Amino acid sequence: KTAVWAIWPQIIRPVLSYSFYALE
């Protein structure tokens, strides 16, 4: 729950950005 509600909202943008960067 800590990961889902406290950590994930803060890292979702970098995760998405890094995923697209890795695909490129």
mmCIF file of all heavy atoms, coordinates in Angstrom:
data_MODEL
# 
_entry.id   MODEL 
# 
loop_
_atom_site.group_PDB 
_atom_site.id 
_atom_site.type_symbol 
_atom_site.label_atom_id 
_atom_site.label_alt_id 
_atom_site.label_comp_id 
_atom_site.label_asym_id 
_atom_site.label_entity_id 
_atom_site.label_seq_id 
_atom_site.pdbx_PDB_ins_code 
_atom_site.Cartn_x 
_atom_site.Cartn_y 
_atom_site.Cartn_z 
_atom_site.occupancy 
_atom_site.B_iso_or_equiv 
_atom_site.pdbx_formal_charge 
_atom_site.auth_seq_id 
_atom_site.auth_comp_id 
_atom_site.auth_asym_id 
_atom_site.auth_atom_id 
_atom_site.pdbx_PDB_model_num 
ATOM 1   N N   . LYS A 1 1  ? 0.828  -1.209 0.000   1.00 0.00 ? 1  LYS A N   1 
ATOM 2   C CA  . LYS A 1 1  ? 0.000  0.000  0.000   1.00 0.00 ? 1  LYS A CA  1 
ATOM 3   C C   . LYS A 1 1  ? 0.864  1.261  0.000   1.00 0.00 ? 1  LYS A C   1 
ATOM 4   O O   . LYS A 1 1  ? 0.534  2.249  -0.652  1.00 0.00 ? 1  LYS A O   1 
ATOM 5   C CB  . LYS A 1 1  ? -0.944 0.009  1.197   1.00 0.00 ? 1  LYS A CB  1 
ATOM 6   C CG  . LYS A 1 1  ? -2.058 -1.000 1.067   1.00 0.00 ? 1  LYS A CG  1 
ATOM 7   C CD  . LYS A 1 1  ? -2.986 -0.964 2.260   1.00 0.00 ? 1  LYS A CD  1 
ATOM 8   C CE  . LYS A 1 1  ? -4.073 -2.011 2.097   1.00 0.00 ? 1  LYS A CE  1 
ATOM 9   N NZ  . LYS A 1 1  ? -4.955 -2.044 3.252   1.00 0.00 ? 1  LYS A NZ  1 
ATOM 10  N N   . THR A 1 2  ? 1.964  1.217  0.718   1.00 0.00 ? 2  THR A N   1 
ATOM 11  C CA  . THR A 1 2  ? 2.882  2.362  0.722   1.00 0.00 ? 2  THR A CA  1 
ATOM 12  C C   . THR A 1 2  ? 3.442  2.595  -0.680  1.00 0.00 ? 2  THR A C   1 
ATOM 13  O O   . THR A 1 2  ? 3.510  3.729  -1.145  1.00 0.00 ? 2  THR A O   1 
ATOM 14  C CB  . THR A 1 2  ? 4.034  2.119  1.719   1.00 0.00 ? 2  THR A CB  1 
ATOM 15  O OG1 . THR A 1 2  ? 3.472  1.925  3.018   1.00 0.00 ? 2  THR A OG1 1 
ATOM 16  C CG2 . THR A 1 2  ? 4.985  3.289  1.751   1.00 0.00 ? 2  THR A CG2 1 
ATOM 17  N N   . ALA A 1 3  ? 3.811  1.512  -1.347  1.00 0.00 ? 3  ALA A N   1 
ATOM 18  C CA  . ALA A 1 3  ? 4.352  1.644  -2.702  1.00 0.00 ? 3  ALA A CA  1 
ATOM 19  C C   . ALA A 1 3  ? 3.304  2.186  -3.661  1.00 0.00 ? 3  ALA A C   1 
ATOM 20  O O   . ALA A 1 3  ? 3.588  3.076  -4.467  1.00 0.00 ? 3  ALA A O   1 
ATOM 21  C CB  . ALA A 1 3  ? 4.874  0.293  -3.190  1.00 0.00 ? 3  ALA A CB  1 
ATOM 22  N N   . VAL A 1 4  ? 2.063  1.681  -3.560  1.00 0.00 ? 4  VAL A N   1 
ATOM 23  C CA  . VAL A 1 4  ? 1.005  2.082  -4.487  1.00 0.00 ? 4  VAL A CA  1 
ATOM 24  C C   . VAL A 1 4  ? 0.559  3.519  -4.243  1.00 0.00 ? 4  VAL A C   1 
ATOM 25  O O   . VAL A 1 4  ? 0.349  4.278  -5.188  1.00 0.00 ? 4  VAL A O   1 
ATOM 26  C CB  . VAL A 1 4  ? -0.199 1.115  -4.384  1.00 0.00 ? 4  VAL A CB  1 
ATOM 27  C CG1 . VAL A 1 4  ? -1.408 1.660  -5.129  1.00 0.00 ? 4  VAL A CG1 1 
ATOM 28  C CG2 . VAL A 1 4  ? 0.182  -0.259 -4.918  1.00 0.00 ? 4  VAL A CG2 1 
ATOM 29  N N   . TRP A 1 5  ? 0.412  3.928  -2.991  1.00 0.00 ? 5  TRP A N   1 
ATOM 30  C CA  . TRP A 1 5  ? -0.179 5.235  -2.694  1.00 0.00 ? 5  TRP A CA  1 
ATOM 31  C C   . TRP A 1 5  ? 0.840  6.336  -2.404  1.00 0.00 ? 5  TRP A C   1 
ATOM 32  O O   . TRP A 1 5  ? 0.509  7.516  -2.528  1.00 0.00 ? 5  TRP A O   1 
ATOM 33  C CB  . TRP A 1 5  ? -1.159 5.128  -1.531  1.00 0.00 ? 5  TRP A CB  1 
ATOM 34  C CG  . TRP A 1 5  ? -2.303 4.239  -1.894  1.00 0.00 ? 5  TRP A CG  1 
ATOM 35  C CD1 . TRP A 1 5  ? -2.514 2.967  -1.460  1.00 0.00 ? 5  TRP A CD1 1 
ATOM 36  C CD2 . TRP A 1 5  ? -3.363 4.529  -2.805  1.00 0.00 ? 5  TRP A CD2 1 
ATOM 37  N NE1 . TRP A 1 5  ? -3.639 2.433  -2.034  1.00 0.00 ? 5  TRP A NE1 1 
ATOM 38  C CE2 . TRP A 1 5  ? -4.187 3.395  -2.866  1.00 0.00 ? 5  TRP A CE2 1 
ATOM 39  C CE3 . TRP A 1 5  ? -3.684 5.634  -3.580  1.00 0.00 ? 5  TRP A CE3 1 
ATOM 40  C CZ2 . TRP A 1 5  ? -5.317 3.330  -3.669  1.00 0.00 ? 5  TRP A CZ2 1 
ATOM 41  C CZ3 . TRP A 1 5  ? -4.828 5.568  -4.380  1.00 0.00 ? 5  TRP A CZ3 1 
ATOM 42  C CH2 . TRP A 1 5  ? -5.619 4.436  -4.412  1.00 0.00 ? 5  TRP A CH2 1 
ATOM 43  N N   . ALA A 1 6  ? 2.066  5.980  -2.027  1.00 0.00 ? 6  ALA A N   1 
ATOM 44  C CA  . ALA A 1 6  ? 3.050  7.019  -1.678  1.00 0.00 ? 6  ALA A CA  1 
ATOM 45  C C   . ALA A 1 6  ? 4.195  7.122  -2.683  1.00 0.00 ? 6  ALA A C   1 
ATOM 46  O O   . ALA A 1 6  ? 4.714  8.207  -2.916  1.00 0.00 ? 6  ALA A O   1 
ATOM 47  C CB  . ALA A 1 6  ? 3.614  6.761  -0.281  1.00 0.00 ? 6  ALA A CB  1 
ATOM 48  N N   . ILE A 1 7  ? 4.585  6.003  -3.272  1.00 0.00 ? 7  ILE A N   1 
ATOM 49  C CA  . ILE A 1 7  ? 5.731  6.017  -4.182  1.00 0.00 ? 7  ILE A CA  1 
ATOM 50  C C   . ILE A 1 7  ? 5.287  6.107  -5.641  1.00 0.00 ? 7  ILE A C   1 
ATOM 51  O O   . ILE A 1 7  ? 5.774  6.949  -6.399  1.00 0.00 ? 7  ILE A O   1 
ATOM 52  C CB  . ILE A 1 7  ? 6.632  4.779  -3.957  1.00 0.00 ? 7  ILE A CB  1 
ATOM 53  C CG1 . ILE A 1 7  ? 7.201  4.806  -2.539  1.00 0.00 ? 7  ILE A CG1 1 
ATOM 54  C CG2 . ILE A 1 7  ? 7.751  4.733  -4.983  1.00 0.00 ? 7  ILE A CG2 1 
ATOM 55  C CD1 . ILE A 1 7  ? 7.966  3.560  -2.146  1.00 0.00 ? 7  ILE A CD1 1 
ATOM 56  N N   . TRP A 1 8  ? 4.346  5.242  -6.064  1.00 0.00 ? 8  TRP A N   1 
ATOM 57  C CA  . TRP A 1 8  ? 3.936  5.179  -7.469  1.00 0.00 ? 8  TRP A CA  1 
ATOM 58  C C   . TRP A 1 8  ? 3.476  6.525  -8.033  1.00 0.00 ? 8  TRP A C   1 
ATOM 59  O O   . TRP A 1 8  ? 3.888  6.881  -9.140  1.00 0.00 ? 8  TRP A O   1 
ATOM 60  C CB  . TRP A 1 8  ? 2.871  4.102  -7.663  1.00 0.00 ? 8  TRP A CB  1 
ATOM 61  C CG  . TRP A 1 8  ? 2.438  3.965  -9.080  1.00 0.00 ? 8  TRP A CG  1 
ATOM 62  C CD1 . TRP A 1 8  ? 1.228  4.286  -9.597  1.00 0.00 ? 8  TRP A CD1 1 
ATOM 63  C CD2 . TRP A 1 8  ? 3.222  3.501  -10.181 1.00 0.00 ? 8  TRP A CD2 1 
ATOM 64  N NE1 . TRP A 1 8  ? 1.199  4.041  -10.947 1.00 0.00 ? 8  TRP A NE1 1 
ATOM 65  C CE2 . TRP A 1 8  ? 2.404  3.562  -11.331 1.00 0.00 ? 8  TRP A CE2 1 
ATOM 66  C CE3 . TRP A 1 8  ? 4.533  3.054  -10.315 1.00 0.00 ? 8  TRP A CE3 1 
ATOM 67  C CZ2 . TRP A 1 8  ? 2.863  3.188  -12.588 1.00 0.00 ? 8  TRP A CZ2 1 
ATOM 68  C CZ3 . TRP A 1 8  ? 4.975  2.684  -11.573 1.00 0.00 ? 8  TRP A CZ3 1 
ATOM 69  C CH2 . TRP A 1 8  ? 4.154  2.746  -12.689 1.00 0.00 ? 8  TRP A CH2 1 
ATOM 70  N N   . PRO A 1 9  ? 2.634  7.299  -7.331  1.00 0.00 ? 9  PRO A N   1 
ATOM 71  C CA  . PRO A 1 9  ? 2.225  8.594  -7.908  1.00 0.00 ? 9  PRO A CA  1 
ATOM 72  C C   . PRO A 1 9  ? 3.396  9.542  -8.179  1.00 0.00 ? 9  PRO A C   1 
ATOM 73  O O   . PRO A 1 9  ? 3.314  10.380 -9.073  1.00 0.00 ? 9  PRO A O   1 
ATOM 74  C CB  . PRO A 1 9  ? 1.295  9.187  -6.848  1.00 0.00 ? 9  PRO A CB  1 
ATOM 75  C CG  . PRO A 1 9  ? 0.790  8.015  -6.086  1.00 0.00 ? 9  PRO A CG  1 
ATOM 76  C CD  . PRO A 1 9  ? 1.916  7.024  -6.087  1.00 0.00 ? 9  PRO A CD  1 
ATOM 77  N N   . GLN A 1 10 ? 4.475  9.381  -7.443  1.00 0.00 ? 10 GLN A N   1 
ATOM 78  C CA  . GLN A 1 10 ? 5.630  10.257 -7.634  1.00 0.00 ? 10 GLN A CA  1 
ATOM 79  C C   . GLN A 1 10 ? 6.545  9.801  -8.765  1.00 0.00 ? 10 GLN A C   1 
ATOM 80  O O   . GLN A 1 10 ? 7.317  10.604 -9.292  1.00 0.00 ? 10 GLN A O   1 
ATOM 81  C CB  . GLN A 1 10 ? 6.442  10.346 -6.342  1.00 0.00 ? 10 GLN A CB  1 
ATOM 82  C CG  . GLN A 1 10 ? 5.691  11.004 -5.204  1.00 0.00 ? 10 GLN A CG  1 
ATOM 83  C CD  . GLN A 1 10 ? 6.573  11.147 -3.990  1.00 0.00 ? 10 GLN A CD  1 
ATOM 84  O OE1 . GLN A 1 10 ? 7.600  11.826 -4.060  1.00 0.00 ? 10 GLN A OE1 1 
ATOM 85  N NE2 . GLN A 1 10 ? 6.193  10.519 -2.894  1.00 0.00 ? 10 GLN A NE2 1 
ATOM 86  N N   . ILE A 1 11 ? 6.465  8.524  -9.126  1.00 0.00 ? 11 ILE A N   1 
ATOM 87  C CA  . ILE A 1 11 ? 7.383  8.022  -10.150 1.00 0.00 ? 11 ILE A CA  1 
ATOM 88  C C   . ILE A 1 11 ? 6.690  7.623  -11.443 1.00 0.00 ? 11 ILE A C   1 
ATOM 89  O O   . ILE A 1 11 ? 7.356  7.190  -12.380 1.00 0.00 ? 11 ILE A O   1 
ATOM 90  C CB  . ILE A 1 11 ? 8.236  6.844  -9.631  1.00 0.00 ? 11 ILE A CB  1 
ATOM 91  C CG1 . ILE A 1 11 ? 7.376  5.633  -9.319  1.00 0.00 ? 11 ILE A CG1 1 
ATOM 92  C CG2 . ILE A 1 11 ? 9.093  7.264  -8.465  1.00 0.00 ? 11 ILE A CG2 1 
ATOM 93  C CD1 . ILE A 1 11 ? 8.172  4.360  -9.107  1.00 0.00 ? 11 ILE A CD1 1 
ATOM 94  N N   . ILE A 1 12 ? 5.382  7.790  -11.548 1.00 0.00 ? 12 ILE A N   1 
ATOM 95  C CA  . ILE A 1 12 ? 4.673  7.355  -12.751 1.00 0.00 ? 12 ILE A CA  1 
ATOM 96  C C   . ILE A 1 12 ? 5.147  8.115  -13.996 1.00 0.00 ? 12 ILE A C   1 
ATOM 97  O O   . ILE A 1 12 ? 5.335  7.521  -15.054 1.00 0.00 ? 12 ILE A O   1 
ATOM 98  C CB  . ILE A 1 12 ? 3.141  7.440  -12.595 1.00 0.00 ? 12 ILE A CB  1 
ATOM 99  C CG1 . ILE A 1 12 ? 2.468  6.776  -13.800 1.00 0.00 ? 12 ILE A CG1 1 
ATOM 100 C CG2 . ILE A 1 12 ? 2.690  8.864  -12.389 1.00 0.00 ? 12 ILE A CG2 1 
ATOM 101 C CD1 . ILE A 1 12 ? 0.986  6.563  -13.629 1.00 0.00 ? 12 ILE A CD1 1 
ATOM 102 N N   . ARG A 1 13 ? 5.373  9.412  -13.875 1.00 0.00 ? 13 ARG A N   1 
ATOM 103 C CA  . ARG A 1 13 ? 5.851  10.175 -15.041 1.00 0.00 ? 13 ARG A CA  1 
ATOM 104 C C   . ARG A 1 13 ? 7.241  9.721  -15.481 1.00 0.00 ? 13 ARG A C   1 
ATOM 105 O O   . ARG A 1 13 ? 7.460  9.499  -16.672 1.00 0.00 ? 13 ARG A O   1 
ATOM 106 C CB  . ARG A 1 13 ? 5.820  11.670 -14.739 1.00 0.00 ? 13 ARG A CB  1 
ATOM 107 C CG  . ARG A 1 13 ? 4.379  12.194 -14.678 1.00 0.00 ? 13 ARG A CG  1 
ATOM 108 C CD  . ARG A 1 13 ? 4.322  13.665 -14.575 1.00 0.00 ? 13 ARG A CD  1 
ATOM 109 N NE  . ARG A 1 13 ? 4.689  14.238 -15.867 1.00 0.00 ? 13 ARG A NE  1 
ATOM 110 C CZ  . ARG A 1 13 ? 5.117  15.474 -16.018 1.00 0.00 ? 13 ARG A CZ  1 
ATOM 111 N NH1 . ARG A 1 13 ? 5.228  16.269 -14.993 1.00 0.00 ? 13 ARG A NH1 1 
ATOM 112 N NH2 . ARG A 1 13 ? 5.419  15.922 -17.206 1.00 0.00 ? 13 ARG A NH2 1 
ATOM 113 N N   . PRO A 1 14 ? 8.206  9.592  -14.551 1.00 0.00 ? 14 PRO A N   1 
ATOM 114 C CA  . PRO A 1 14 ? 9.511  9.082  -15.001 1.00 0.00 ? 14 PRO A CA  1 
ATOM 115 C C   . PRO A 1 14 ? 9.435  7.665  -15.569 1.00 0.00 ? 14 PRO A C   1 
ATOM 116 O O   . PRO A 1 14 ? 10.127 7.359  -16.544 1.00 0.00 ? 14 PRO A O   1 
ATOM 117 C CB  . PRO A 1 14 ? 10.380 9.111  -13.746 1.00 0.00 ? 14 PRO A CB  1 
ATOM 118 C CG  . PRO A 1 14 ? 9.725  10.072 -12.832 1.00 0.00 ? 14 PRO A CG  1 
ATOM 119 C CD  . PRO A 1 14 ? 8.274  10.034 -13.154 1.00 0.00 ? 14 PRO A CD  1 
ATOM 120 N N   . VAL A 1 15 ? 8.589  6.801  -14.999 1.00 0.00 ? 15 VAL A N   1 
ATOM 121 C CA  . VAL A 1 15 ? 8.455  5.439  -15.513 1.00 0.00 ? 15 VAL A CA  1 
ATOM 122 C C   . VAL A 1 15 ? 7.978  5.475  -16.963 1.00 0.00 ? 15 VAL A C   1 
ATOM 123 O O   . VAL A 1 15 ? 8.540  4.805  -17.830 1.00 0.00 ? 15 VAL A O   1 
ATOM 124 C CB  . VAL A 1 15 ? 7.484  4.599  -14.644 1.00 0.00 ? 15 VAL A CB  1 
ATOM 125 C CG1 . VAL A 1 15 ? 7.059  3.324  -15.351 1.00 0.00 ? 15 VAL A CG1 1 
ATOM 126 C CG2 . VAL A 1 15 ? 8.106  4.273  -13.308 1.00 0.00 ? 15 VAL A CG2 1 
ATOM 127 N N   . LEU A 1 16 ? 6.962  6.266  -17.226 1.00 0.00 ? 16 LEU A N   1 
ATOM 128 C CA  . LEU A 1 16 ? 6.440  6.390  -18.577 1.00 0.00 ? 16 LEU A CA  1 
ATOM 129 C C   . LEU A 1 16 ? 7.492  6.983  -19.517 1.00 0.00 ? 16 LEU A C   1 
ATOM 130 O O   . LEU A 1 16 ? 7.717  6.477  -20.619 1.00 0.00 ? 16 LEU A O   1 
ATOM 131 C CB  . LEU A 1 16 ? 5.184  7.256  -18.570 1.00 0.00 ? 16 LEU A CB  1 
ATOM 132 C CG  . LEU A 1 16 ? 4.354  7.278  -19.836 1.00 0.00 ? 16 LEU A CG  1 
ATOM 133 C CD1 . LEU A 1 16 ? 3.821  5.894  -20.154 1.00 0.00 ? 16 LEU A CD1 1 
ATOM 134 C CD2 . LEU A 1 16 ? 3.210  8.251  -19.677 1.00 0.00 ? 16 LEU A CD2 1 
ATOM 135 N N   . SER A 1 17 ? 8.146  8.018  -19.072 1.00 0.00 ? 17 SER A N   1 
ATOM 136 C CA  . SER A 1 17 ? 9.165  8.667  -19.883 1.00 0.00 ? 17 SER A CA  1 
ATOM 137 C C   . SER A 1 17 ? 10.320 7.714  -20.186 1.00 0.00 ? 17 SER A C   1 
ATOM 138 O O   . SER A 1 17 ? 10.776 7.619  -21.334 1.00 0.00 ? 17 SER A O   1 
ATOM 139 C CB  . SER A 1 17 ? 9.686  9.906  -19.149 1.00 0.00 ? 17 SER A CB  1 
ATOM 140 O OG  . SER A 1 17 ? 10.687 10.537 -19.882 1.00 0.00 ? 17 SER A OG  1 
ATOM 141 N N   . TYR A 1 18 ? 10.799 6.992  -19.184 1.00 0.00 ? 18 TYR A N   1 
ATOM 142 C CA  . TYR A 1 18 ? 11.907 6.059  -19.389 1.00 0.00 ? 18 TYR A CA  1 
ATOM 143 C C   . TYR A 1 18 ? 11.498 4.892  -20.275 1.00 0.00 ? 18 TYR A C   1 
ATOM 144 O O   . TYR A 1 18 ? 12.311 4.386  -21.055 1.00 0.00 ? 18 TYR A O   1 
ATOM 145 C CB  . TYR A 1 18 ? 12.442 5.534  -18.062 1.00 0.00 ? 18 TYR A CB  1 
ATOM 146 C CG  . TYR A 1 18 ? 13.009 6.589  -17.163 1.00 0.00 ? 18 TYR A CG  1 
ATOM 147 C CD1 . TYR A 1 18 ? 12.936 6.458  -15.782 1.00 0.00 ? 18 TYR A CD1 1 
ATOM 148 C CD2 . TYR A 1 18 ? 13.616 7.736  -17.664 1.00 0.00 ? 18 TYR A CD2 1 
ATOM 149 C CE1 . TYR A 1 18 ? 13.462 7.434  -14.944 1.00 0.00 ? 18 TYR A CE1 1 
ATOM 150 C CE2 . TYR A 1 18 ? 14.123 8.706  -16.840 1.00 0.00 ? 18 TYR A CE2 1 
ATOM 151 C CZ  . TYR A 1 18 ? 14.048 8.554  -15.475 1.00 0.00 ? 18 TYR A CZ  1 
ATOM 152 O OH  . TYR A 1 18 ? 14.556 9.512  -14.651 1.00 0.00 ? 18 TYR A OH  1 
ATOM 153 N N   . SER A 1 19 ? 10.251 4.462  -20.168 1.00 0.00 ? 19 SER A N   1 
ATOM 154 C CA  . SER A 1 19 ? 9.784  3.359  -21.006 1.00 0.00 ? 19 SER A CA  1 
ATOM 155 C C   . SER A 1 19 ? 9.787  3.754  -22.480 1.00 0.00 ? 19 SER A C   1 
ATOM 156 O O   . SER A 1 19 ? 10.238 2.990  -23.333 1.00 0.00 ? 19 SER A O   1 
ATOM 157 C CB  . SER A 1 19 ? 8.384  2.923  -20.576 1.00 0.00 ? 19 SER A CB  1 
ATOM 158 O OG  . SER A 1 19 ? 8.407  2.442  -19.260 1.00 0.00 ? 19 SER A OG  1 
ATOM 159 N N   . PHE A 1 20 ? 9.279  4.943  -22.774 1.00 0.00 ? 20 PHE A N   1 
ATOM 160 C CA  . PHE A 1 20 ? 9.300  5.406  -24.163 1.00 0.00 ? 20 PHE A CA  1 
ATOM 161 C C   . PHE A 1 20 ? 10.726 5.661  -24.639 1.00 0.00 ? 20 PHE A C   1 
ATOM 162 O O   . PHE A 1 20 ? 11.060 5.386  -25.790 1.00 0.00 ? 20 PHE A O   1 
ATOM 163 C CB  . PHE A 1 20 ? 8.442  6.659  -24.333 1.00 0.00 ? 20 PHE A CB  1 
ATOM 164 C CG  . PHE A 1 20 ? 6.983  6.351  -24.475 1.00 0.00 ? 20 PHE A CG  1 
ATOM 165 C CD1 . PHE A 1 20 ? 6.086  6.704  -23.491 1.00 0.00 ? 20 PHE A CD1 1 
ATOM 166 C CD2 . PHE A 1 20 ? 6.510  5.698  -25.598 1.00 0.00 ? 20 PHE A CD2 1 
ATOM 167 C CE1 . PHE A 1 20 ? 4.740  6.421  -23.622 1.00 0.00 ? 20 PHE A CE1 1 
ATOM 168 C CE2 . PHE A 1 20 ? 5.166  5.411  -25.746 1.00 0.00 ? 20 PHE A CE2 1 
ATOM 169 C CZ  . PHE A 1 20 ? 4.273  5.767  -24.747 1.00 0.00 ? 20 PHE A CZ  1 
ATOM 170 N N   . TYR A 1 21 ? 11.560 6.174  -23.760 1.00 0.00 ? 21 TYR A N   1 
ATOM 171 C CA  . TYR A 1 21 ? 12.965 6.383  -24.126 1.00 0.00 ? 21 TYR A CA  1 
ATOM 172 C C   . TYR A 1 21 ? 13.626 5.045  -24.459 1.00 0.00 ? 21 TYR A C   1 
ATOM 173 O O   . TYR A 1 21 ? 14.350 4.930  -25.454 1.00 0.00 ? 21 TYR A O   1 
ATOM 174 C CB  . TYR A 1 21 ? 13.698 7.084  -22.978 1.00 0.00 ? 21 TYR A CB  1 
ATOM 175 C CG  . TYR A 1 21 ? 15.178 7.219  -23.204 1.00 0.00 ? 21 TYR A CG  1 
ATOM 176 C CD1 . TYR A 1 21 ? 15.686 8.057  -24.194 1.00 0.00 ? 21 TYR A CD1 1 
ATOM 177 C CD2 . TYR A 1 21 ? 16.079 6.493  -22.434 1.00 0.00 ? 21 TYR A CD2 1 
ATOM 178 C CE1 . TYR A 1 21 ? 17.047 8.169  -24.408 1.00 0.00 ? 21 TYR A CE1 1 
ATOM 179 C CE2 . TYR A 1 21 ? 17.447 6.605  -22.643 1.00 0.00 ? 21 TYR A CE2 1 
ATOM 180 C CZ  . TYR A 1 21 ? 17.915 7.446  -23.626 1.00 0.00 ? 21 TYR A CZ  1 
ATOM 181 O OH  . TYR A 1 21 ? 19.268 7.545  -23.835 1.00 0.00 ? 21 TYR A OH  1 
ATOM 182 N N   . ALA A 1 22 ? 13.359 4.027  -23.642 1.00 0.00 ? 22 ALA A N   1 
ATOM 183 C CA  . ALA A 1 22 ? 13.934 2.704  -23.892 1.00 0.00 ? 22 ALA A CA  1 
ATOM 184 C C   . ALA A 1 22 ? 13.435 2.132  -25.212 1.00 0.00 ? 22 ALA A C   1 
ATOM 185 O O   . ALA A 1 22 ? 14.208 1.528  -25.967 1.00 0.00 ? 22 ALA A O   1 
ATOM 186 C CB  . ALA A 1 22 ? 13.588 1.754  -22.747 1.00 0.00 ? 22 ALA A CB  1 
ATOM 187 N N   . LEU A 1 23 ? 12.153 2.340  -25.522 1.00 0.00 ? 23 LEU A N   1 
ATOM 188 C CA  . LEU A 1 23 ? 11.622 1.866  -26.795 1.00 0.00 ? 23 LEU A CA  1 
ATOM 189 C C   . LEU A 1 23 ? 12.319 2.553  -27.965 1.00 0.00 ? 23 LEU A C   1 
ATOM 190 O O   . LEU A 1 23 ? 12.705 1.905  -28.947 1.00 0.00 ? 23 LEU A O   1 
ATOM 191 C CB  . LEU A 1 23 ? 10.107 2.110  -26.853 1.00 0.00 ? 23 LEU A CB  1 
ATOM 192 C CG  . LEU A 1 23 ? 9.394  1.670  -28.127 1.00 0.00 ? 23 LEU A CG  1 
ATOM 193 C CD1 . LEU A 1 23 ? 9.572  0.178  -28.379 1.00 0.00 ? 23 LEU A CD1 1 
ATOM 194 C CD2 . LEU A 1 23 ? 7.925  2.040  -28.050 1.00 0.00 ? 23 LEU A CD2 1 
ATOM 195 N N   . GLU A 1 24 ? 12.516 3.856  -27.851 1.00 0.00 ? 24 GLU A N   1 
ATOM 196 C CA  . GLU A 1 24 ? 13.201 4.606  -28.902 1.00 0.00 ? 24 GLU A CA  1 
ATOM 197 C C   . GLU A 1 24 ? 14.642 4.119  -29.084 1.00 0.00 ? 24 GLU A C   1 
ATOM 198 O O   . GLU A 1 24 ? 15.111 3.906  -30.204 1.00 0.00 ? 24 GLU A O   1 
ATOM 199 C CB  . GLU A 1 24 ? 13.187 6.091  -28.558 1.00 0.00 ? 24 GLU A CB  1 
ATOM 200 C CG  . GLU A 1 24 ? 13.779 6.975  -29.609 1.00 0.00 ? 24 GLU A CG  1 
ATOM 201 C CD  . GLU A 1 24 ? 13.727 8.438  -29.203 1.00 0.00 ? 24 GLU A CD  1 
ATOM 202 O OE1 . GLU A 1 24 ? 12.749 8.861  -28.580 1.00 0.00 ? 24 GLU A OE1 1 
ATOM 203 O OE2 . GLU A 1 24 ? 14.703 9.153  -29.520 1.00 0.00 ? 24 GLU A OE2 1 
# 
